[in-house]
Amino acid sequence: MTYKKVKEGEATILAPKEEKISGDLPVFYNPIMKTNRDISIALLNALEKEDLDIALPLAGTGIRAIRFFKELKRDNIKQICINDCNEEAIKVINENFKLNSIAEEDIEINQTEASLFMLKHAGFNYIDVDPFGSPNPFLDASCKKLSRDGILAVTATDTAPLSGTYTKVCRRKYWAEPKKDHMMHETGLRILIRKIQLIAVQYERALTPIYSYSDEHYMRVFFRCKKGKKHCDEILSQHKMFNDAGPLWLGPLWDEDLAEKIMNLNPCTLTKLIKDESKIHSIGFYNIPKICKKHKIGVEKKFDQIMELIKAKGYQASRTHFDKEGIRTNMPEEELEKVVIG
């Protein structure tokens, strides 16, 4: 493979020159996932957790580990353990650490299968599972090795099954019925959350989402872990059907205070939208053109005008990051339709 220098955040790395991103590449770097890494850094800095024992089982070029070293509060990091099963990736990771002046004693580099890497350690209080495709193969080991009050971050790039394009695949992989409609990305995210929670409760680990989103070609969830049967039962009680899809997670997708802190640390369009919609404790959202089509009218009111009318009636309203034509509100559907068409 041939490589080029790439700058992302405060890191400079050697990354493959190949323009086509593929899971078959021996060394993997996807520039589109910069937002994913930006938000991970903002979240950890917002949480201000001390003695972070970090596991990065699918390291690729090592970009996430390097950015953690350079952009997280250094006193909060106890150790970063990174792993990739590919020999070429390990060589590039070592080169990239040298390029960024990170000493060998500050890191632990492993070359093995990702789950075996996690299982051989005593445990971690931050595990980041960021695969090409489904996270399923790595969930069992991740849940087993997540410590009490630890944070588990999971990415899924196989959004087509979760969003209802491949129904049978979603049933097999995520044990739920998806639905392809305007809410498909939120539905898929909630299906993903439930699947991960089901793996964790086997080991008496209750995983509560604290920050979740769907962006570009992937879905991403950050969980906080509590241990104990009671907490697990509380999680399971919030797995139900919704809108003819599921079973799925019907609890909150965000910690409201954390969403605001993340937005302040990383103010971009995505984090601003999530900050606003995290304040509205509703499941699902409304697509305004769909309501207009139902009543055979055009979209006559601007979105800001509709939201002001909703708020004037004492309800909450915000745009949603799931759909550029959507509004999240706790107003009942019948009343919303009157606002939109009236």
Protein backbone atom coordinates (compact mmCIF):
# COMPACT_ATOMS: atom_id res chain seq x y z
CA MET A 1 0.00 0.00 0.00
CA THR A 2 1.01 3.61 -0.52
CA TYR A 3 0.36 6.30 2.06
CA LYS A 4 -0.15 10.04 2.32
CA LYS A 5 0.00 12.44 5.25
CA VAL A 6 -3.39 13.50 6.59
CA LYS A 7 -4.15 16.06 9.28
CA GLU A 8 -7.23 15.58 11.45
CA GLY A 9 -7.79 17.58 14.62
CA GLU A 10 -4.41 17.91 16.29
CA ALA A 11 -3.08 14.69 14.75
CA THR A 12 -1.04 14.13 11.61
CA ILE A 13 -1.00 10.56 10.33
CA LEU A 14 -0.02 8.34 7.44
CA ALA A 15 -3.22 7.10 5.79
CA PRO A 16 -3.84 4.92 2.70
CA LYS A 17 -3.95 6.80 -0.60
CA GLU A 18 -6.78 4.61 -1.85
CA GLU A 19 -9.87 6.75 -2.37
CA LYS A 20 -12.36 3.87 -2.22
CA ILE A 21 -13.07 3.00 1.42
CA SER A 22 -13.36 -0.74 1.90
CA GLY A 23 -13.30 -3.16 4.80
CA ASP A 24 -10.93 -5.29 2.72
CA LEU A 25 -8.14 -2.71 3.03
CA PRO A 26 -5.39 -3.90 5.42
CA VAL A 27 -5.21 -0.40 6.94
CA PHE A 28 -8.45 1.49 7.31
CA TYR A 29 -9.00 5.27 7.53
CA ASN A 30 -12.30 6.96 6.72
CA PRO A 31 -12.20 10.80 6.68
CA ILE A 32 -16.01 10.93 6.79
CA MET A 33 -15.81 9.56 10.34
CA LYS A 34 -14.04 12.70 11.58
CA THR A 35 -17.32 13.87 13.16
CA ASN A 36 -17.56 10.53 14.95
CA ARG A 37 -14.12 11.09 16.48
CA ASP A 38 -14.80 14.79 17.19
CA ILE A 39 -17.89 13.93 19.21
CA SER A 40 -16.10 11.12 21.08
CA ILE A 41 -13.46 13.60 22.24
CA ALA A 42 -16.05 16.22 23.20
CA LEU A 43 -18.06 13.64 25.15
CA LEU A 44 -15.08 12.38 27.15
CA ASN A 45 -13.93 15.90 27.91
CA ALA A 46 -17.49 16.83 28.95
CA LEU A 47 -17.73 13.84 31.30
CA GLU A 48 -14.38 14.71 32.95
CA LYS A 49 -13.84 11.10 33.97
CA GLU A 50 -10.55 10.44 35.74
CA ASP A 51 -8.20 7.48 35.21
CA LEU A 52 -9.58 6.56 31.81
CA ASP A 53 -8.57 3.04 30.91
CA ILE A 54 -9.36 3.11 27.19
CA ALA A 55 -9.77 0.20 24.79
CA LEU A 56 -9.68 0.72 21.02
CA PRO A 57 -10.03 -2.83 19.65
CA LEU A 58 -10.24 -1.84 15.96
CA ALA A 59 -7.53 0.79 15.68
CA GLY A 60 -6.89 1.04 11.91
CA THR A 61 -4.33 3.83 11.45
CA GLY A 62 -4.44 4.69 15.17
CA ILE A 63 -6.04 8.07 14.44
CA ARG A 64 -8.55 7.85 17.31
CA ALA A 65 -5.88 6.92 19.85
CA ILE A 66 -3.58 9.73 18.69
CA ARG A 67 -6.35 12.30 18.84
CA PHE A 68 -7.28 11.07 22.33
CA PHE A 69 -3.69 11.60 23.47
CA LYS A 70 -3.55 15.07 21.98
CA GLU A 71 -7.06 16.38 22.61
CA LEU A 72 -8.34 14.77 25.81
CA LYS A 73 -7.33 16.20 29.16
CA ARG A 74 -4.07 14.31 29.60
CA ASP A 75 -4.35 13.93 33.38
CA ASN A 76 -7.59 11.99 32.89
CA ILE A 77 -5.96 9.24 30.83
CA LYS A 78 -4.56 6.29 32.75
CA GLN A 79 -3.88 4.07 29.74
CA ILE A 80 -4.85 3.63 26.09
CA CYS A 81 -4.77 0.05 24.81
CA ILE A 82 -5.08 -0.27 21.06
CA ASN A 83 -5.42 -3.28 18.83
CA ASP A 84 -5.64 -4.32 15.21
CA CYS A 85 -5.43 -7.84 13.84
CA ASN A 86 -3.57 -6.75 10.69
CA GLU A 87 0.23 -6.72 10.67
CA GLU A 88 0.38 -3.85 8.16
CA ALA A 89 -1.91 -1.77 10.39
CA ILE A 90 0.38 -2.33 13.38
CA LYS A 91 3.35 -1.04 11.39
CA VAL A 92 1.41 2.08 10.37
CA ILE A 93 0.19 2.64 13.93
CA ASN A 94 3.76 2.57 15.21
CA GLU A 95 4.84 5.02 12.50
CA ASN A 96 1.95 7.32 13.32
CA PHE A 97 2.77 7.35 17.01
CA LYS A 98 6.36 8.32 16.17
CA LEU A 99 5.08 11.00 13.79
CA ASN A 100 3.07 12.49 16.67
CA SER A 101 5.88 12.16 19.27
CA ILE A 102 3.96 9.73 21.49
CA ALA A 103 6.30 7.61 23.59
CA GLU A 104 6.04 3.81 23.58
CA GLU A 105 5.60 3.70 27.36
CA ASP A 106 2.35 5.67 27.02
CA ILE A 107 0.62 3.03 24.91
CA GLU A 108 -0.08 -0.67 24.67
CA ILE A 109 -0.28 -2.03 21.12
CA ASN A 110 -1.77 -5.46 20.44
CA GLN A 111 -2.11 -7.51 17.27
CA THR A 112 -4.90 -10.02 17.71
CA GLU A 113 -8.59 -10.55 17.05
CA ALA A 114 -10.56 -7.69 18.63
CA SER A 115 -12.65 -9.74 21.06
CA LEU A 116 -9.65 -11.74 22.27
CA PHE A 117 -7.81 -8.45 22.86
CA MET A 118 -10.58 -7.26 25.19
CA LEU A 119 -11.07 -10.58 26.95
CA LYS A 120 -7.42 -10.89 27.97
CA HIS A 121 -7.61 -7.62 29.97
CA ALA A 122 -9.09 -7.14 33.41
CA GLY A 123 -11.49 -4.49 32.14
CA PHE A 124 -11.89 -0.96 30.80
CA ASN A 125 -13.94 2.09 31.71
CA TYR A 126 -14.12 3.27 28.07
CA ILE A 127 -14.47 0.88 25.14
CA ASP A 128 -14.90 2.19 21.60
CA VAL A 129 -16.24 -0.31 19.06
CA ASP A 130 -16.01 1.29 15.62
CA PRO A 131 -16.10 -1.46 12.97
CA PHE A 132 -16.69 -1.56 9.24
CA GLY A 133 -20.23 -2.98 9.17
CA SER A 134 -22.11 -4.50 12.10
CA PRO A 135 -20.73 -4.27 15.66
CA ASN A 136 -22.30 -7.65 16.51
CA PRO A 137 -19.09 -9.75 16.56
CA PHE A 138 -17.56 -7.49 19.23
CA LEU A 139 -20.51 -6.82 21.55
CA ASP A 140 -20.17 -9.85 23.82
CA ALA A 141 -16.55 -9.17 24.78
CA SER A 142 -17.20 -5.43 25.06
CA CYS A 143 -20.06 -5.93 27.50
CA LYS A 144 -18.11 -8.46 29.56
CA LYS A 145 -15.12 -6.15 29.94
CA LEU A 146 -16.92 -2.86 30.62
CA SER A 147 -16.45 -1.70 34.19
CA ARG A 148 -19.06 -0.25 36.55
CA ASP A 149 -19.90 3.32 35.49
CA GLY A 150 -17.87 2.72 32.33
CA ILE A 151 -18.73 4.13 28.89
CA LEU A 152 -19.32 1.91 25.87
CA ALA A 153 -19.30 3.61 22.45
CA VAL A 154 -20.67 1.61 19.51
CA THR A 155 -20.84 2.43 15.80
CA ALA A 156 -22.92 0.53 13.23
CA THR A 157 -22.40 1.23 9.54
CA ASP A 158 -24.86 -1.43 8.34
CA THR A 159 -27.71 1.07 8.46
CA ALA A 160 -29.70 -0.43 5.57
CA PRO A 161 -30.99 -3.43 7.60
CA LEU A 162 -31.62 -1.28 10.68
CA SER A 163 -33.54 1.28 8.61
CA GLY A 164 -35.80 -1.25 6.92
CA THR A 165 -34.21 -1.81 3.51
CA TYR A 166 -33.29 -5.42 4.36
CA THR A 167 -35.97 -6.62 6.78
CA LYS A 168 -34.80 -10.23 7.04
CA VAL A 169 -31.22 -9.16 7.78
CA CYS A 170 -32.46 -6.91 10.59
CA ARG A 171 -34.45 -9.78 12.09
CA ARG A 172 -31.40 -12.06 12.02
CA LYS A 173 -28.82 -9.57 13.22
CA TYR A 174 -30.81 -7.31 15.51
CA TRP A 175 -33.79 -9.49 16.58
CA ALA A 176 -36.36 -6.87 15.62
CA GLU A 177 -38.71 -5.70 12.88
CA PRO A 178 -37.56 -2.47 11.20
CA LYS A 179 -39.78 -0.03 9.32
CA LYS A 180 -38.86 2.01 6.26
CA ASP A 181 -40.62 5.34 6.71
CA HIS A 182 -39.69 8.90 7.68
CA MET A 183 -38.67 7.71 11.17
CA MET A 184 -36.52 4.82 9.91
CA HIS A 185 -33.21 6.19 11.23
CA GLU A 186 -34.53 6.81 14.73
CA THR A 187 -36.27 3.43 14.66
CA GLY A 188 -33.05 1.75 13.51
CA LEU A 189 -31.05 3.48 16.22
CA ARG A 190 -33.50 2.32 18.89
CA ILE A 191 -33.35 -1.25 17.51
CA LEU A 192 -29.55 -1.13 17.68
CA ILE A 193 -29.67 0.14 21.27
CA ARG A 194 -31.96 -2.69 22.36
CA LYS A 195 -29.74 -5.34 20.77
CA ILE A 196 -26.66 -4.06 22.62
CA GLN A 197 -28.60 -3.84 25.89
CA LEU A 198 -29.76 -7.45 25.51
CA ILE A 199 -26.17 -8.64 25.18
CA ALA A 200 -25.18 -6.67 28.28
CA VAL A 201 -27.98 -7.75 30.64
CA GLN A 202 -26.76 -11.35 30.37
CA TYR A 203 -23.80 -10.21 32.44
CA GLU A 204 -25.88 -8.01 34.80
CA ARG A 205 -24.74 -4.85 33.06
CA ALA A 206 -27.43 -2.25 32.42
CA LEU A 207 -26.53 0.07 29.55
CA THR A 208 -28.31 3.44 29.37
CA PRO A 209 -27.81 5.64 26.30
CA ILE A 210 -26.33 9.03 27.17
CA TYR A 211 -25.71 10.29 23.61
CA SER A 212 -26.93 8.83 20.33
CA TYR A 213 -27.21 9.91 16.73
CA SER A 214 -27.50 8.89 13.09
CA ASP A 215 -25.18 10.63 10.64
CA GLU A 216 -23.99 10.02 7.08
CA HIS A 217 -23.79 6.22 6.66
CA TYR A 218 -23.65 5.18 10.32
CA MET A 219 -25.37 5.12 13.71
CA ARG A 220 -23.56 5.81 16.95
CA VAL A 221 -24.47 5.25 20.62
CA PHE A 222 -22.68 6.01 23.88
CA PHE A 223 -23.85 4.03 26.91
CA ARG A 224 -23.17 4.37 30.64
CA CYS A 225 -22.94 1.08 32.52
CA LYS A 226 -24.59 0.20 35.83
CA LYS A 227 -24.30 -3.25 37.35
CA GLY A 228 -27.06 -5.20 39.05
CA LYS A 229 -30.25 -7.16 38.37
CA LYS A 230 -32.58 -4.29 39.32
CA HIS A 231 -30.97 -1.92 36.81
CA CYS A 232 -31.12 -4.61 34.11
CA ASP A 233 -34.84 -5.19 34.76
CA GLU A 234 -35.44 -1.44 34.39
CA ILE A 235 -33.72 -1.50 31.01
CA LEU A 236 -35.75 -4.49 29.80
CA SER A 237 -39.02 -2.84 30.86
CA GLN A 238 -38.41 -0.18 28.19
CA HIS A 239 -38.19 -2.63 25.28
CA LYS A 240 -41.50 -2.50 23.39
CA MET A 241 -43.04 -2.09 19.96
CA PHE A 242 -43.55 1.34 18.42
CA ASN A 243 -45.12 2.33 15.10
CA ASP A 244 -45.29 -1.37 14.07
CA ALA A 245 -41.52 -1.72 14.54
CA GLY A 246 -39.40 -3.35 17.19
CA PRO A 247 -39.10 -4.46 19.86
CA LEU A 248 -36.91 -1.42 20.41
CA TRP A 249 -35.64 0.93 23.13
CA LEU A 250 -38.31 3.44 24.19
CA GLY A 251 -36.20 5.29 26.75
CA PRO A 252 -34.26 8.53 26.25
CA LEU A 253 -31.60 8.75 23.54
CA TRP A 254 -29.67 11.54 25.27
CA ASP A 255 -28.60 12.94 28.60
CA GLU A 256 -29.84 16.52 28.24
CA ASP A 257 -27.05 18.17 30.27
CA LEU A 258 -24.37 16.17 28.45
CA ALA A 259 -25.82 17.12 25.06
CA GLU A 260 -25.46 20.80 25.95
CA LYS A 261 -21.87 20.34 27.15
CA ILE A 262 -20.93 18.50 23.95
CA MET A 263 -22.45 21.26 21.84
CA ASN A 264 -20.45 23.89 23.76
CA LEU A 265 -17.21 21.94 23.22
CA ASN A 266 -17.93 21.06 19.59
CA PRO A 267 -20.51 23.49 18.14
CA CYS A 268 -21.51 22.05 14.77
CA THR A 269 -24.88 21.62 13.05
CA LEU A 270 -25.29 18.05 14.35
CA THR A 271 -24.53 18.79 18.02
CA LYS A 272 -26.70 21.93 17.97
CA LEU A 273 -29.69 19.97 16.65
CA ILE A 274 -29.17 17.21 19.22
CA LYS A 275 -28.88 19.73 22.06
CA ASP A 276 -32.31 21.13 21.11
CA GLU A 277 -34.10 17.84 20.56
CA SER A 278 -32.61 16.24 23.70
CA LYS A 279 -34.86 18.56 25.75
CA ILE A 280 -38.01 17.01 24.27
CA HIS A 281 -38.83 13.66 25.85
CA SER A 282 -40.79 12.14 22.99
CA ILE A 283 -40.42 9.01 20.88
CA GLY A 284 -40.34 9.71 17.18
CA PHE A 285 -41.02 12.94 15.29
CA TYR A 286 -43.26 14.32 12.55
CA ASN A 287 -42.45 14.87 8.88
CA ILE A 288 -44.15 18.10 7.84
CA PRO A 289 -44.41 17.41 4.05
CA LYS A 290 -46.01 14.05 4.90
CA ILE A 291 -48.69 15.79 6.97
CA CYS A 292 -49.29 18.26 4.14
CA LYS A 293 -49.55 15.45 1.59
CA LYS A 294 -52.08 13.67 3.79
CA HIS A 295 -54.28 16.77 3.67
CA LYS A 296 -53.51 17.42 -0.02
CA ILE A 297 -51.92 20.80 0.52
CA GLY A 298 -48.47 22.24 -0.14
CA VAL A 299 -46.02 23.15 2.60
CA GLU A 300 -47.23 26.70 3.16
CA LYS A 301 -45.71 27.53 6.56
CA LYS A 302 -41.98 27.76 7.28
CA PHE A 303 -40.58 25.38 9.88
CA ASP A 304 -39.70 28.19 12.31
CA GLN A 305 -43.26 29.49 12.05
CA ILE A 306 -44.71 26.04 12.79
CA MET A 307 -42.44 25.64 15.82
CA GLU A 308 -43.42 29.08 17.16
CA LEU A 309 -47.09 28.16 16.85
CA ILE A 310 -46.46 24.90 18.71
CA LYS A 311 -44.64 26.70 21.51
CA ALA A 312 -47.37 29.33 21.72
CA LYS A 313 -49.77 26.52 22.67
CA GLY A 314 -47.50 25.44 25.54
CA TYR A 315 -45.71 22.53 23.86
CA GLN A 316 -42.05 21.95 23.04
CA ALA A 317 -40.66 21.83 19.51
CA SER A 318 -37.33 21.54 17.74
CA ARG A 319 -35.87 20.39 14.44
CA THR A 320 -34.48 16.87 14.43
CA HIS A 321 -31.12 15.66 13.15
CA PHE A 322 -32.82 12.48 11.87
CA ASP A 323 -34.76 14.28 9.12
CA LYS A 324 -34.26 17.74 7.60
CA GLU A 325 -38.04 17.93 7.03
CA GLY A 326 -38.93 16.75 10.53
CA ILE A 327 -40.02 18.40 13.78
CA ARG A 328 -39.76 16.79 17.20
CA THR A 329 -42.53 17.87 19.55
CA ASN A 330 -44.61 16.62 22.47
CA MET A 331 -47.75 18.05 20.85
CA PRO A 332 -50.35 15.37 19.96
CA GLU A 333 -50.52 14.56 16.25
CA GLU A 334 -54.09 15.81 15.77
CA GLU A 335 -53.23 19.22 17.22
CA LEU A 336 -50.05 19.41 15.16
CA GLU A 337 -52.00 18.74 11.98
CA LYS A 338 -54.28 21.67 12.80
CA VAL A 339 -51.23 23.91 13.28
CA VAL A 340 -49.67 22.81 9.98
CA ILE A 341 -52.78 23.01 7.80
CA GLY A 342 -54.63 25.84 9.58
